[in-house]
Amino acid sequence: RTGSPIGLNSNCSSCHFGGNFDGTIYLSVLKDSVVVQEYQPGEEYLVKISFSHNGGGQQYGFQMVALEEDGLINAGTFGDLPEFIRNISLYNDQFDYVEHTRPLNDSVWYIPWKAPEESLENISFYLSGIVTNDDSNSSGDEVVWLRTPHSLKSTGLVNRKDGRLPKPSAIKIRCNPVHQEIELVSSLDLSRESVRYQITNWMGKVVKSGSLIGENISVYDLPKG
């Protein structure tokens, strides 16, 4: 019930209703206490979930799932969870979610999340929650959810076979602008590395992606600019 396409965009309102506390739910992704907009494959992060409301609400609950933006595939894994939060597999055990196990007293929660090891996909976090009146009944609760999923972009860096991440400067374009193909210069032996690439246009739209073979990427089939 996170508002994701897995559950046909449904949220907690299928069970909870009737409350009005001017509630809002927020999600951000942190690395070393700093909010990030991109993830690096294989790195560990904290997903911060927080609620705001007027004086009426007393307790909280939520359910969250992380998916690859272009497909119904779980993105990354959730780590050791706080008390009263659990990992649960739903929809024939195909998708992993995190959710509360009892009404929560705190309005801020931090969920450990590890980015996928080898992915260039953008990731969408879907989150739905409730602000309750603490009457042990599903009526009188306000449903809050992310109207737009929280998107996290890939840095484009992928884990190497030896488990280390290449530095951004490890691979460079030899000549820019390019014409028929992109020629790369690297301190790495690209013939032995498992590297995926992603090319975006000036608007940030992905126009080509794939696995790097050798030191050249053909771009003759792409429009100019």
N, C-alpha and C. Protein backbone atom coordinates (compact mmCIF):
# COMPACT_ATOMS: atom_id res chain seq x y z
N ARG A 1 0.84 -1.21 0.00
CA ARG A 1 0.00 0.00 0.00
C ARG A 1 0.86 1.25 0.00
N THR A 2 1.85 1.31 -0.87
CA THR A 2 2.80 2.42 -0.87
C THR A 2 2.52 3.45 -1.95
N GLY A 3 1.55 3.17 -2.81
CA GLY A 3 1.32 4.03 -3.97
C GLY A 3 2.13 3.62 -5.17
N SER A 4 2.79 2.45 -5.10
CA SER A 4 3.63 1.98 -6.21
C SER A 4 2.77 1.25 -7.25
N PRO A 5 3.32 1.08 -8.47
CA PRO A 5 2.57 0.33 -9.49
C PRO A 5 2.39 -1.14 -9.14
N ILE A 6 3.17 -1.67 -8.20
CA ILE A 6 2.98 -3.07 -7.79
C ILE A 6 1.58 -3.28 -7.25
N GLY A 7 1.14 -2.35 -6.40
CA GLY A 7 -0.19 -2.44 -5.79
C GLY A 7 -1.22 -1.58 -6.50
N LEU A 8 -0.99 -1.35 -7.80
CA LEU A 8 -1.91 -0.55 -8.62
C LEU A 8 -2.12 0.83 -8.01
N ASN A 9 -1.02 1.39 -7.47
CA ASN A 9 -1.00 2.76 -6.94
C ASN A 9 -1.88 2.97 -5.71
N SER A 10 -2.27 1.87 -5.05
CA SER A 10 -3.10 2.01 -3.85
C SER A 10 -2.23 2.41 -2.67
N ASN A 11 -2.86 3.02 -1.65
CA ASN A 11 -2.12 3.42 -0.45
C ASN A 11 -2.89 2.96 0.78
N CYS A 12 -2.51 3.48 1.93
CA CYS A 12 -3.08 3.00 3.20
C CYS A 12 -4.56 3.35 3.36
N SER A 13 -5.13 4.14 2.46
CA SER A 13 -6.54 4.52 2.59
C SER A 13 -7.48 3.35 2.34
N SER A 14 -6.94 2.21 1.87
CA SER A 14 -7.79 1.03 1.72
C SER A 14 -8.22 0.48 3.08
N CYS A 15 -7.48 0.86 4.15
CA CYS A 15 -7.82 0.37 5.50
C CYS A 15 -8.05 1.49 6.51
N HIS A 16 -7.35 2.61 6.33
CA HIS A 16 -7.41 3.70 7.31
C HIS A 16 -8.12 4.91 6.72
N PHE A 17 -8.87 5.63 7.56
CA PHE A 17 -9.68 6.74 7.05
C PHE A 17 -10.19 7.61 8.19
N GLY A 18 -10.69 8.77 7.82
CA GLY A 18 -11.47 9.58 8.77
C GLY A 18 -10.72 10.64 9.53
N GLY A 19 -9.38 10.60 9.58
CA GLY A 19 -8.65 11.59 10.36
C GLY A 19 -8.28 12.80 9.51
N ASN A 20 -8.07 13.93 10.17
CA ASN A 20 -7.64 15.14 9.47
C ASN A 20 -6.75 15.94 10.42
N PHE A 21 -5.44 15.73 10.28
CA PHE A 21 -4.48 16.37 11.16
C PHE A 21 -3.50 17.26 10.38
N ASP A 22 -3.88 17.59 9.13
CA ASP A 22 -2.97 18.34 8.26
C ASP A 22 -1.60 17.65 8.18
N GLY A 23 -1.65 16.34 8.03
CA GLY A 23 -0.42 15.55 8.06
C GLY A 23 0.32 15.55 6.73
N THR A 24 1.63 15.38 6.82
CA THR A 24 2.51 15.23 5.65
C THR A 24 3.59 14.22 6.00
N ILE A 25 3.99 13.43 5.01
CA ILE A 25 5.09 12.49 5.19
C ILE A 25 6.23 12.88 4.25
N TYR A 26 7.45 12.72 4.72
CA TYR A 26 8.63 13.14 3.95
C TYR A 26 9.61 11.99 3.86
N LEU A 27 10.39 11.98 2.78
CA LEU A 27 11.45 11.00 2.62
C LEU A 27 12.68 11.68 2.04
N SER A 28 13.85 11.37 2.59
CA SER A 28 15.12 11.83 2.04
C SER A 28 16.14 10.72 2.24
N VAL A 29 17.20 10.75 1.45
CA VAL A 29 18.26 9.74 1.52
C VAL A 29 19.53 10.43 1.97
N LEU A 30 20.19 9.87 2.99
CA LEU A 30 21.35 10.51 3.62
C LEU A 30 22.59 9.64 3.47
N LYS A 31 23.72 10.30 3.27
CA LYS A 31 25.03 9.66 3.34
C LYS A 31 25.89 10.50 4.26
N ASP A 32 26.33 9.91 5.37
CA ASP A 32 27.11 10.65 6.37
C ASP A 32 26.37 11.92 6.80
N SER A 33 25.07 11.78 7.05
CA SER A 33 24.19 12.86 7.55
C SER A 33 23.91 13.95 6.53
N VAL A 34 24.32 13.76 5.28
CA VAL A 34 24.09 14.75 4.22
C VAL A 34 23.08 14.19 3.23
N VAL A 35 22.08 15.00 2.87
CA VAL A 35 21.08 14.58 1.91
C VAL A 35 21.73 14.43 0.53
N VAL A 36 21.45 13.30 -0.14
CA VAL A 36 22.01 13.06 -1.47
C VAL A 36 20.88 12.91 -2.48
N GLN A 37 21.19 13.23 -3.73
CA GLN A 37 20.25 13.07 -4.83
C GLN A 37 20.67 11.96 -5.78
N GLU A 38 21.89 11.43 -5.56
CA GLU A 38 22.43 10.35 -6.38
C GLU A 38 22.91 9.22 -5.46
N TYR A 39 22.96 8.02 -6.01
CA TYR A 39 23.52 6.90 -5.26
C TYR A 39 24.71 6.33 -6.03
N GLN A 40 25.61 5.75 -5.28
CA GLN A 40 26.75 5.05 -5.87
C GLN A 40 26.54 3.57 -5.62
N PRO A 41 26.56 2.74 -6.65
CA PRO A 41 26.29 1.31 -6.48
C PRO A 41 27.12 0.68 -5.37
N GLY A 42 26.45 -0.12 -4.54
CA GLY A 42 27.12 -0.83 -3.47
C GLY A 42 27.32 -0.04 -2.20
N GLU A 43 27.02 1.25 -2.21
CA GLU A 43 27.21 2.08 -1.02
C GLU A 43 26.00 1.97 -0.08
N GLU A 44 26.24 2.26 1.20
CA GLU A 44 25.19 2.19 2.21
C GLU A 44 24.69 3.59 2.57
N TYR A 45 23.38 3.70 2.75
CA TYR A 45 22.73 4.99 3.02
C TYR A 45 21.70 4.82 4.14
N LEU A 46 21.18 5.94 4.61
CA LEU A 46 20.05 5.95 5.51
C LEU A 46 18.88 6.64 4.83
N VAL A 47 17.74 5.97 4.84
CA VAL A 47 16.51 6.59 4.33
C VAL A 47 15.78 7.21 5.53
N LYS A 48 15.61 8.52 5.50
CA LYS A 48 14.94 9.22 6.60
C LYS A 48 13.46 9.39 6.26
N ILE A 49 12.61 8.92 7.14
CA ILE A 49 11.16 9.07 7.02
C ILE A 49 10.68 9.92 8.18
N SER A 50 9.93 10.96 7.87
CA SER A 50 9.46 11.85 8.94
C SER A 50 8.03 12.30 8.66
N PHE A 51 7.35 12.66 9.73
CA PHE A 51 5.96 13.11 9.66
C PHE A 51 5.84 14.51 10.26
N SER A 52 4.90 15.29 9.73
CA SER A 52 4.49 16.54 10.38
C SER A 52 2.97 16.59 10.41
N HIS A 53 2.40 17.33 11.38
CA HIS A 53 0.95 17.40 11.51
C HIS A 53 0.63 18.46 12.56
N ASN A 54 -0.66 18.74 12.71
CA ASN A 54 -1.06 19.64 13.77
C ASN A 54 -1.18 18.85 15.08
N GLY A 55 -1.75 19.42 16.11
CA GLY A 55 -1.71 18.80 17.43
C GLY A 55 -2.56 17.56 17.60
N GLY A 56 -3.39 17.19 16.61
CA GLY A 56 -4.32 16.08 16.81
C GLY A 56 -3.71 14.70 16.72
N GLY A 57 -2.73 14.54 15.83
CA GLY A 57 -2.15 13.22 15.62
C GLY A 57 -1.26 12.80 16.79
N GLN A 58 -1.26 11.49 17.08
CA GLN A 58 -0.50 11.01 18.24
C GLN A 58 0.48 9.88 17.90
N GLN A 59 0.17 9.05 16.91
CA GLN A 59 1.06 7.95 16.54
C GLN A 59 1.12 7.83 15.02
N TYR A 60 2.05 6.93 14.55
CA TYR A 60 2.36 6.90 13.13
C TYR A 60 2.57 5.46 12.66
N GLY A 61 2.54 5.30 11.36
CA GLY A 61 2.88 4.02 10.74
C GLY A 61 3.23 4.28 9.28
N PHE A 62 3.94 3.34 8.66
CA PHE A 62 4.30 3.52 7.25
C PHE A 62 4.64 2.18 6.61
N GLN A 63 4.65 2.20 5.28
CA GLN A 63 5.14 1.09 4.47
C GLN A 63 5.90 1.69 3.30
N MET A 64 7.03 1.07 2.93
CA MET A 64 7.90 1.64 1.89
C MET A 64 8.48 0.52 1.03
N VAL A 65 8.70 0.83 -0.25
CA VAL A 65 9.38 -0.08 -1.17
C VAL A 65 10.28 0.74 -2.08
N ALA A 66 11.42 0.16 -2.47
CA ALA A 66 12.36 0.80 -3.41
C ALA A 66 12.38 -0.02 -4.69
N LEU A 67 12.15 0.64 -5.82
CA LEU A 67 12.08 -0.05 -7.11
C LEU A 67 12.97 0.63 -8.14
N GLU A 68 13.48 -0.16 -9.08
CA GLU A 68 14.13 0.43 -10.23
C GLU A 68 13.08 1.20 -11.02
N GLU A 69 13.47 2.38 -11.48
CA GLU A 69 12.50 3.29 -12.07
C GLU A 69 11.86 2.73 -13.34
N ASP A 70 12.64 1.96 -14.11
CA ASP A 70 12.14 1.48 -15.40
C ASP A 70 11.59 0.06 -15.36
N GLY A 71 11.37 -0.49 -14.19
CA GLY A 71 10.84 -1.84 -14.12
C GLY A 71 10.41 -2.21 -12.73
N LEU A 72 9.55 -3.22 -12.64
CA LEU A 72 9.05 -3.67 -11.34
C LEU A 72 10.06 -4.64 -10.73
N ILE A 73 11.20 -4.08 -10.28
CA ILE A 73 12.27 -4.85 -9.68
C ILE A 73 12.72 -4.13 -8.42
N ASN A 74 12.86 -4.86 -7.32
CA ASN A 74 13.39 -4.26 -6.10
C ASN A 74 14.76 -3.65 -6.35
N ALA A 75 15.00 -2.50 -5.75
CA ALA A 75 16.27 -1.80 -5.91
C ALA A 75 17.00 -1.77 -4.58
N GLY A 76 18.14 -2.42 -4.51
CA GLY A 76 18.91 -2.43 -3.28
C GLY A 76 18.30 -3.31 -2.22
N THR A 77 18.88 -3.25 -1.02
CA THR A 77 18.40 -4.07 0.11
C THR A 77 18.36 -3.21 1.37
N PHE A 78 17.39 -3.50 2.24
CA PHE A 78 17.29 -2.82 3.51
C PHE A 78 18.13 -3.58 4.54
N GLY A 79 18.78 -2.82 5.42
CA GLY A 79 19.70 -3.41 6.39
C GLY A 79 19.03 -3.75 7.71
N ASP A 80 19.82 -3.69 8.80
CA ASP A 80 19.30 -3.99 10.13
C ASP A 80 18.32 -2.89 10.54
N LEU A 81 17.10 -3.28 10.78
CA LEU A 81 16.03 -2.31 10.98
C LEU A 81 15.83 -1.96 12.45
N PRO A 82 15.31 -0.76 12.71
CA PRO A 82 15.03 -0.36 14.10
C PRO A 82 13.93 -1.23 14.71
N GLU A 83 13.81 -1.14 16.01
CA GLU A 83 12.74 -1.85 16.71
C GLU A 83 11.39 -1.37 16.20
N PHE A 84 10.45 -2.29 16.07
CA PHE A 84 9.09 -2.05 15.61
C PHE A 84 9.00 -1.83 14.10
N ILE A 85 10.10 -2.07 13.37
CA ILE A 85 10.09 -2.01 11.91
C ILE A 85 10.55 -3.37 11.40
N ARG A 86 9.90 -3.88 10.36
CA ARG A 86 10.25 -5.20 9.84
C ARG A 86 10.38 -5.18 8.32
N ASN A 87 11.11 -6.19 7.83
CA ASN A 87 11.17 -6.50 6.41
C ASN A 87 10.09 -7.52 6.10
N ILE A 88 9.34 -7.32 5.02
CA ILE A 88 8.30 -8.28 4.67
C ILE A 88 8.26 -8.45 3.16
N SER A 89 8.11 -9.69 2.70
CA SER A 89 8.00 -10.00 1.27
C SER A 89 6.52 -10.15 0.92
N LEU A 90 6.09 -9.42 -0.10
CA LEU A 90 4.68 -9.41 -0.50
C LEU A 90 4.54 -9.78 -1.97
N TYR A 91 3.30 -9.96 -2.38
CA TYR A 91 2.98 -10.30 -3.76
C TYR A 91 3.75 -11.56 -4.19
N ASN A 92 3.39 -12.68 -3.54
CA ASN A 92 4.01 -13.98 -3.80
C ASN A 92 5.51 -13.95 -3.54
N ASP A 93 5.89 -13.19 -2.52
CA ASP A 93 7.30 -13.09 -2.10
C ASP A 93 8.21 -12.53 -3.18
N GLN A 94 7.66 -11.73 -4.09
CA GLN A 94 8.46 -11.17 -5.17
C GLN A 94 9.09 -9.83 -4.82
N PHE A 95 8.49 -9.11 -3.86
CA PHE A 95 8.94 -7.76 -3.57
C PHE A 95 9.14 -7.57 -2.07
N ASP A 96 10.26 -6.95 -1.72
CA ASP A 96 10.59 -6.70 -0.32
C ASP A 96 10.18 -5.29 0.08
N TYR A 97 9.46 -5.19 1.18
CA TYR A 97 8.99 -3.93 1.74
C TYR A 97 9.55 -3.78 3.16
N VAL A 98 9.48 -2.56 3.69
CA VAL A 98 9.64 -2.35 5.13
C VAL A 98 8.38 -1.67 5.64
N GLU A 99 7.99 -2.02 6.87
CA GLU A 99 6.77 -1.46 7.44
C GLU A 99 6.83 -1.54 8.96
N HIS A 100 5.92 -0.81 9.61
CA HIS A 100 5.85 -0.84 11.07
C HIS A 100 5.15 -2.11 11.53
N THR A 101 5.46 -2.52 12.75
CA THR A 101 4.82 -3.70 13.33
C THR A 101 3.84 -3.35 14.43
N ARG A 102 3.87 -2.10 14.89
CA ARG A 102 2.95 -1.59 15.91
C ARG A 102 2.91 -0.08 15.75
N PRO A 103 1.91 0.60 16.31
CA PRO A 103 1.88 2.06 16.20
C PRO A 103 3.17 2.68 16.73
N LEU A 104 3.70 3.65 16.01
CA LEU A 104 4.99 4.25 16.33
C LEU A 104 4.80 5.58 17.05
N ASN A 105 5.57 5.79 18.10
CA ASN A 105 5.47 7.03 18.86
C ASN A 105 6.34 8.14 18.30
N ASP A 106 7.43 7.78 17.64
CA ASP A 106 8.36 8.78 17.11
C ASP A 106 7.97 9.18 15.70
N SER A 107 8.16 10.46 15.39
CA SER A 107 7.77 10.99 14.08
C SER A 107 8.92 10.97 13.07
N VAL A 108 10.10 10.51 13.48
CA VAL A 108 11.26 10.44 12.58
C VAL A 108 11.88 9.04 12.70
N TRP A 109 12.15 8.41 11.53
CA TRP A 109 12.74 7.07 11.50
C TRP A 109 13.84 7.02 10.45
N TYR A 110 14.88 6.23 10.74
CA TYR A 110 16.00 6.07 9.82
C TYR A 110 16.11 4.59 9.44
N ILE A 111 16.04 4.32 8.15
CA ILE A 111 16.04 2.95 7.64
C ILE A 111 17.33 2.71 6.85
N PRO A 112 18.19 1.78 7.28
CA PRO A 112 19.41 1.49 6.52
C PRO A 112 19.06 0.87 5.16
N TRP A 113 19.73 1.36 4.12
CA TRP A 113 19.49 0.85 2.76
C TRP A 113 20.81 0.79 2.00
N LYS A 114 21.07 -0.34 1.35
CA LYS A 114 22.26 -0.50 0.54
C LYS A 114 21.89 -0.47 -0.93
N ALA A 115 22.56 0.38 -1.69
CA ALA A 115 22.28 0.50 -3.11
C ALA A 115 22.66 -0.77 -3.85
N PRO A 116 22.00 -1.07 -4.96
CA PRO A 116 22.35 -2.27 -5.73
C PRO A 116 23.81 -2.24 -6.18
N GLU A 117 24.42 -3.40 -6.27
CA GLU A 117 25.85 -3.49 -6.58
C GLU A 117 26.17 -3.06 -8.00
N GLU A 118 25.32 -3.43 -8.94
CA GLU A 118 25.60 -3.14 -10.35
C GLU A 118 24.34 -2.63 -11.01
N SER A 119 24.12 -1.35 -10.94
CA SER A 119 22.92 -0.76 -11.53
C SER A 119 23.20 0.66 -11.98
N LEU A 120 22.66 0.99 -13.14
CA LEU A 120 22.68 2.38 -13.61
C LEU A 120 21.27 2.95 -13.65
N GLU A 121 20.32 2.19 -13.14
CA GLU A 121 18.93 2.64 -13.17
C GLU A 121 18.69 3.71 -12.10
N ASN A 122 17.82 4.67 -12.43
CA ASN A 122 17.31 5.53 -11.38
C ASN A 122 16.41 4.71 -10.47
N ILE A 123 16.34 5.10 -9.21
CA ILE A 123 15.58 4.34 -8.22
C ILE A 123 14.45 5.20 -7.67
N SER A 124 13.29 4.58 -7.51
CA SER A 124 12.12 5.28 -6.98
C SER A 124 11.73 4.67 -5.64
N PHE A 125 11.60 5.52 -4.62
CA PHE A 125 11.11 5.10 -3.32
C PHE A 125 9.63 5.47 -3.22
N TYR A 126 8.80 4.47 -2.95
CA TYR A 126 7.36 4.69 -2.76
C TYR A 126 7.06 4.55 -1.27
N LEU A 127 6.28 5.48 -0.74
CA LEU A 127 6.06 5.53 0.70
C LEU A 127 4.64 6.01 1.00
N SER A 128 3.97 5.26 1.84
CA SER A 128 2.65 5.65 2.34
C SER A 128 2.63 5.46 3.85
N GLY A 129 1.88 6.30 4.54
CA GLY A 129 1.85 6.20 5.99
C GLY A 129 0.53 6.69 6.57
N ILE A 130 0.47 6.66 7.89
CA ILE A 130 -0.72 7.12 8.59
C ILE A 130 -0.31 7.96 9.80
N VAL A 131 -1.14 8.96 10.09
CA VAL A 131 -1.08 9.71 11.35
C VAL A 131 -2.36 9.34 12.09
N THR A 132 -2.22 8.77 13.29
CA THR A 132 -3.38 8.19 13.97
C THR A 132 -3.79 9.01 15.20
N ASN A 133 -5.02 8.74 15.62
CA ASN A 133 -5.53 9.36 16.85
C ASN A 133 -5.35 8.44 18.06
N ASP A 134 -4.67 7.30 17.87
CA ASP A 134 -4.34 6.39 18.97
C ASP A 134 -5.57 5.87 19.69
N ASP A 135 -6.58 5.45 18.90
CA ASP A 135 -7.76 4.87 19.53
C ASP A 135 -7.87 3.37 19.24
N SER A 136 -6.76 2.77 18.71
CA SER A 136 -6.71 1.34 18.40
C SER A 136 -7.77 0.93 17.40
N ASN A 137 -8.10 1.86 16.49
CA ASN A 137 -9.10 1.59 15.47
C ASN A 137 -8.62 2.23 14.17
N SER A 138 -8.97 1.64 13.03
CA SER A 138 -8.51 2.18 11.75
C SER A 138 -9.27 3.43 11.32
N SER A 139 -10.39 3.73 11.95
CA SER A 139 -11.10 4.97 11.67
C SER A 139 -10.48 6.10 12.50
N GLY A 140 -10.59 7.30 12.00
CA GLY A 140 -10.00 8.44 12.69
C GLY A 140 -8.52 8.61 12.39
N ASP A 141 -7.99 7.89 11.40
CA ASP A 141 -6.59 8.00 11.00
C ASP A 141 -6.49 8.77 9.70
N GLU A 142 -5.44 9.57 9.58
CA GLU A 142 -5.20 10.29 8.32
C GLU A 142 -4.12 9.57 7.52
N VAL A 143 -4.41 9.33 6.25
CA VAL A 143 -3.45 8.70 5.35
C VAL A 143 -2.60 9.77 4.67
N VAL A 144 -1.30 9.56 4.69
CA VAL A 144 -0.35 10.49 4.05
C VAL A 144 0.57 9.66 3.16
N TRP A 145 0.95 10.20 2.02
CA TRP A 145 1.82 9.45 1.11
C TRP A 145 2.56 10.42 0.19
N LEU A 146 3.62 9.90 -0.42
CA LEU A 146 4.36 10.69 -1.39
C LEU A 146 3.56 10.75 -2.69
N ARG A 147 3.10 11.94 -3.06
CA ARG A 147 2.31 12.06 -4.28
C ARG A 147 3.16 11.74 -5.52
N THR A 148 4.44 12.01 -5.42
CA THR A 148 5.41 11.64 -6.45
C THR A 148 6.50 10.82 -5.79
N PRO A 149 6.86 9.66 -6.33
CA PRO A 149 7.91 8.85 -5.68
C PRO A 149 9.22 9.63 -5.60
N HIS A 150 9.97 9.36 -4.56
CA HIS A 150 11.28 10.01 -4.38
C HIS A 150 12.28 9.32 -5.29
N SER A 151 12.88 10.08 -6.21
CA SER A 151 13.78 9.51 -7.20
C SER A 151 15.22 9.75 -6.81
N LEU A 152 16.04 8.72 -6.97
CA LEU A 152 17.46 8.78 -6.69
C LEU A 152 18.20 8.37 -7.96
N LYS A 153 19.06 9.25 -8.44
CA LYS A 153 19.77 8.98 -9.69
C LYS A 153 21.06 8.21 -9.42
N SER A 154 21.48 7.46 -10.43
CA SER A 154 22.75 6.75 -10.35
C SER A 154 23.90 7.69 -10.70
N THR A 155 25.03 7.51 -10.01
CA THR A 155 26.22 8.28 -10.37
C THR A 155 26.84 7.79 -11.67
N GLY A 156 26.43 6.58 -12.10
CA GLY A 156 27.01 6.00 -13.29
C GLY A 156 28.26 5.20 -13.02
N LEU A 157 28.72 5.15 -11.75
CA LEU A 157 29.89 4.35 -11.39
C LEU A 157 29.43 2.98 -10.91
N VAL A 158 30.08 1.95 -11.39
CA VAL A 158 29.68 0.59 -11.08
C VAL A 158 30.81 -0.14 -10.39
N ASN A 159 30.47 -1.00 -9.44
CA ASN A 159 31.48 -1.78 -8.74
C ASN A 159 32.34 -2.60 -9.70
N ARG A 160 33.64 -2.62 -9.46
CA ARG A 160 34.55 -3.43 -10.24
C ARG A 160 34.56 -4.85 -9.72
N LYS A 161 35.19 -5.77 -10.49
CA LYS A 161 35.23 -7.17 -10.10
C LYS A 161 35.97 -7.37 -8.79
N ASP A 162 36.95 -6.49 -8.50
CA ASP A 162 37.72 -6.65 -7.27
C ASP A 162 37.03 -6.04 -6.08
N GLY A 163 35.81 -5.52 -6.27
CA GLY A 163 35.03 -5.00 -5.16
C GLY A 163 35.28 -3.54 -4.85
N ARG A 164 36.26 -2.90 -5.54
CA ARG A 164 36.54 -1.49 -5.31
C ARG A 164 35.83 -0.64 -6.35
N LEU A 165 35.49 0.58 -5.96
CA LEU A 165 34.83 1.50 -6.88
C LEU A 165 35.86 2.37 -7.58
N PRO A 166 35.80 2.49 -8.91
CA PRO A 166 36.72 3.40 -9.58
C PRO A 166 36.40 4.84 -9.24
N LYS A 167 37.42 5.67 -9.16
CA LYS A 167 37.20 7.09 -8.93
C LYS A 167 36.60 7.72 -10.18
N PRO A 168 35.83 8.84 -10.04
CA PRO A 168 35.25 9.47 -11.21
C PRO A 168 36.29 9.82 -12.27
N SER A 169 37.52 10.11 -11.85
CA SER A 169 38.56 10.51 -12.80
C SER A 169 39.25 9.32 -13.44
N ALA A 170 38.85 8.08 -13.08
CA ALA A 170 39.54 6.90 -13.59
C ALA A 170 39.25 6.67 -15.07
N ILE A 171 38.13 7.17 -15.56
CA ILE A 171 37.78 7.03 -16.98
C ILE A 171 37.45 8.42 -17.52
N LYS A 172 38.10 8.80 -18.61
CA LYS A 172 37.88 10.11 -19.20
C LYS A 172 37.63 9.98 -20.70
N ILE A 173 36.99 10.98 -21.29
CA ILE A 173 36.80 11.06 -22.74
C ILE A 173 38.03 11.72 -23.35
N ARG A 174 38.60 11.05 -24.37
CA ARG A 174 39.84 11.56 -24.96
C ARG A 174 39.59 12.88 -25.70
N CYS A 175 38.52 12.95 -26.42
CA CYS A 175 38.27 14.16 -27.24
C CYS A 175 36.80 14.53 -27.14
N ASN A 176 36.53 15.79 -26.91
CA ASN A 176 35.16 16.28 -26.77
C ASN A 176 35.05 17.61 -27.50
N PRO A 177 34.13 17.83 -28.47
CA PRO A 177 33.02 16.94 -28.80
C PRO A 177 33.45 15.72 -29.60
N VAL A 178 32.51 14.76 -29.69
CA VAL A 178 32.79 13.52 -30.41
C VAL A 178 31.91 13.47 -31.66
N HIS A 179 32.23 12.52 -32.54
CA HIS A 179 31.48 12.39 -33.79
C HIS A 179 30.88 10.99 -33.92
N GLN A 180 31.66 10.03 -34.42
CA GLN A 180 31.15 8.69 -34.63
C GLN A 180 31.21 7.81 -33.38
N GLU A 181 32.23 8.04 -32.55
CA GLU A 181 32.36 7.23 -31.36
C GLU A 181 33.09 7.99 -30.26
N ILE A 182 32.82 7.58 -29.04
CA ILE A 182 33.50 8.15 -27.88
C ILE A 182 34.74 7.31 -27.60
N GLU A 183 35.90 7.96 -27.55
CA GLU A 183 37.14 7.26 -27.24
C GLU A 183 37.50 7.56 -25.79
N LEU A 184 37.74 6.52 -25.03
CA LEU A 184 37.99 6.65 -23.61
C LEU A 184 39.46 6.48 -23.28
N VAL A 185 39.88 7.19 -22.24
CA VAL A 185 41.22 7.05 -21.69
C VAL A 185 41.05 6.66 -20.22
N SER A 186 41.77 5.64 -19.78
CA SER A 186 41.57 5.17 -18.42
C SER A 186 42.86 4.61 -17.85
N SER A 187 43.00 4.78 -16.54
CA SER A 187 44.10 4.14 -15.83
C SER A 187 43.79 2.68 -15.54
N LEU A 188 42.55 2.27 -15.82
CA LEU A 188 42.12 0.89 -15.61
C LEU A 188 42.32 0.08 -16.89
N ASP A 189 42.44 -1.22 -16.75
CA ASP A 189 42.44 -2.11 -17.90
C ASP A 189 40.98 -2.44 -18.21
N LEU A 190 40.39 -1.67 -19.15
CA LEU A 190 38.96 -1.79 -19.40
C LEU A 190 38.58 -3.15 -19.98
N SER A 191 39.54 -3.85 -20.55
CA SER A 191 39.24 -5.17 -21.09
C SER A 191 39.01 -6.19 -19.97
N ARG A 192 39.43 -5.84 -18.75
CA ARG A 192 39.29 -6.76 -17.63
C ARG A 192 38.26 -6.27 -16.61
N GLU A 193 37.72 -5.10 -16.83
CA GLU A 193 36.77 -4.53 -15.88
C GLU A 193 35.33 -4.79 -16.33
N SER A 194 34.42 -4.92 -15.36
CA SER A 194 33.00 -5.01 -15.64
C SER A 194 32.41 -3.62 -15.42
N VAL A 195 32.21 -2.88 -16.51
CA VAL A 195 31.78 -1.49 -16.42
C VAL A 195 30.57 -1.28 -17.32
N ARG A 196 29.55 -0.67 -16.76
CA ARG A 196 28.41 -0.24 -17.57
C ARG A 196 28.45 1.27 -17.71
N TYR A 197 27.91 1.74 -18.82
CA TYR A 197 27.91 3.18 -19.08
C TYR A 197 26.49 3.66 -19.33
N GLN A 198 26.32 4.95 -19.21
CA GLN A 198 25.04 5.59 -19.45
C GLN A 198 25.30 6.95 -20.07
N ILE A 199 24.66 7.25 -21.19
CA ILE A 199 24.81 8.52 -21.88
C ILE A 199 23.49 9.27 -21.79
N THR A 200 23.54 10.50 -21.35
CA THR A 200 22.33 11.33 -21.27
C THR A 200 22.46 12.54 -22.17
N ASN A 201 21.33 13.08 -22.60
CA ASN A 201 21.37 14.32 -23.37
C ASN A 201 21.37 15.51 -22.42
N TRP A 202 21.31 16.71 -22.97
CA TRP A 202 21.44 17.90 -22.12
C TRP A 202 20.26 18.07 -21.18
N MET A 203 19.15 17.36 -21.43
CA MET A 203 18.00 17.43 -20.53
C MET A 203 18.04 16.35 -19.46
N GLY A 204 19.09 15.53 -19.46
CA GLY A 204 19.21 14.47 -18.49
C GLY A 204 18.53 13.17 -18.87
N LYS A 205 17.97 13.07 -20.09
CA LYS A 205 17.31 11.85 -20.54
C LYS A 205 18.36 10.86 -21.03
N VAL A 206 18.22 9.60 -20.58
CA VAL A 206 19.14 8.56 -21.02
C VAL A 206 18.88 8.23 -22.49
N VAL A 207 19.90 8.37 -23.33
CA VAL A 207 19.76 8.09 -24.76
C VAL A 207 20.48 6.82 -25.17
N LYS A 208 21.38 6.33 -24.31
CA LYS A 208 22.07 5.08 -24.61
C LYS A 208 22.73 4.56 -23.35
N SER A 209 22.72 3.24 -23.19
CA SER A 209 23.40 2.62 -22.07
C SER A 209 23.79 1.21 -22.46
N GLY A 210 24.71 0.63 -21.74
CA GLY A 210 25.14 -0.73 -22.05
C GLY A 210 26.39 -1.10 -21.30
N SER A 211 26.96 -2.24 -21.65
CA SER A 211 28.21 -2.70 -21.06
C SER A 211 29.37 -2.24 -21.93
N LEU A 212 30.40 -1.74 -21.28
CA LEU A 212 31.57 -1.23 -21.99
C LEU A 212 32.41 -2.39 -22.50
N ILE A 213 32.68 -2.37 -23.80
CA ILE A 213 33.55 -3.36 -24.43
C ILE A 213 34.71 -2.61 -25.07
N GLY A 214 35.90 -2.79 -24.54
CA GLY A 214 37.04 -2.05 -25.06
C GLY A 214 37.05 -0.62 -24.59
N GLU A 215 37.61 0.27 -25.43
CA GLU A 215 37.79 1.67 -25.04
C GLU A 215 36.99 2.64 -25.90
N ASN A 216 36.02 2.13 -26.67
CA ASN A 216 35.23 2.99 -27.54
C ASN A 216 33.74 2.69 -27.39
N ILE A 217 32.93 3.74 -27.49
CA ILE A 217 31.48 3.61 -27.48
C ILE A 217 30.96 4.25 -28.76
N SER A 218 30.30 3.48 -29.58
CA SER A 218 29.75 3.99 -30.84
C SER A 218 28.55 4.87 -30.57
N VAL A 219 28.54 6.07 -31.17
CA VAL A 219 27.41 7.00 -31.00
C VAL A 219 26.91 7.52 -32.34
N TYR A 220 27.27 6.83 -33.42
CA TYR A 220 26.87 7.30 -34.75
C TYR A 220 25.37 7.33 -34.92
N ASP A 221 24.66 6.47 -34.16
CA ASP A 221 23.20 6.37 -34.29
C ASP A 221 22.45 7.37 -33.42
N LEU A 222 23.17 8.19 -32.66
CA LEU A 222 22.51 9.17 -31.80
C LEU A 222 22.35 10.50 -32.52
N PRO A 223 21.28 11.24 -32.23
CA PRO A 223 21.11 12.57 -32.84
C PRO A 223 22.18 13.53 -32.38
N LYS A 224 22.48 14.53 -33.15
CA LYS A 224 23.49 15.52 -32.78
C LYS A 224 23.05 16.27 -31.52
N GLY A 225 24.05 16.62 -30.69
CA GLY A 225 23.75 17.37 -29.47
C GLY A 225 23.51 16.49 -28.27
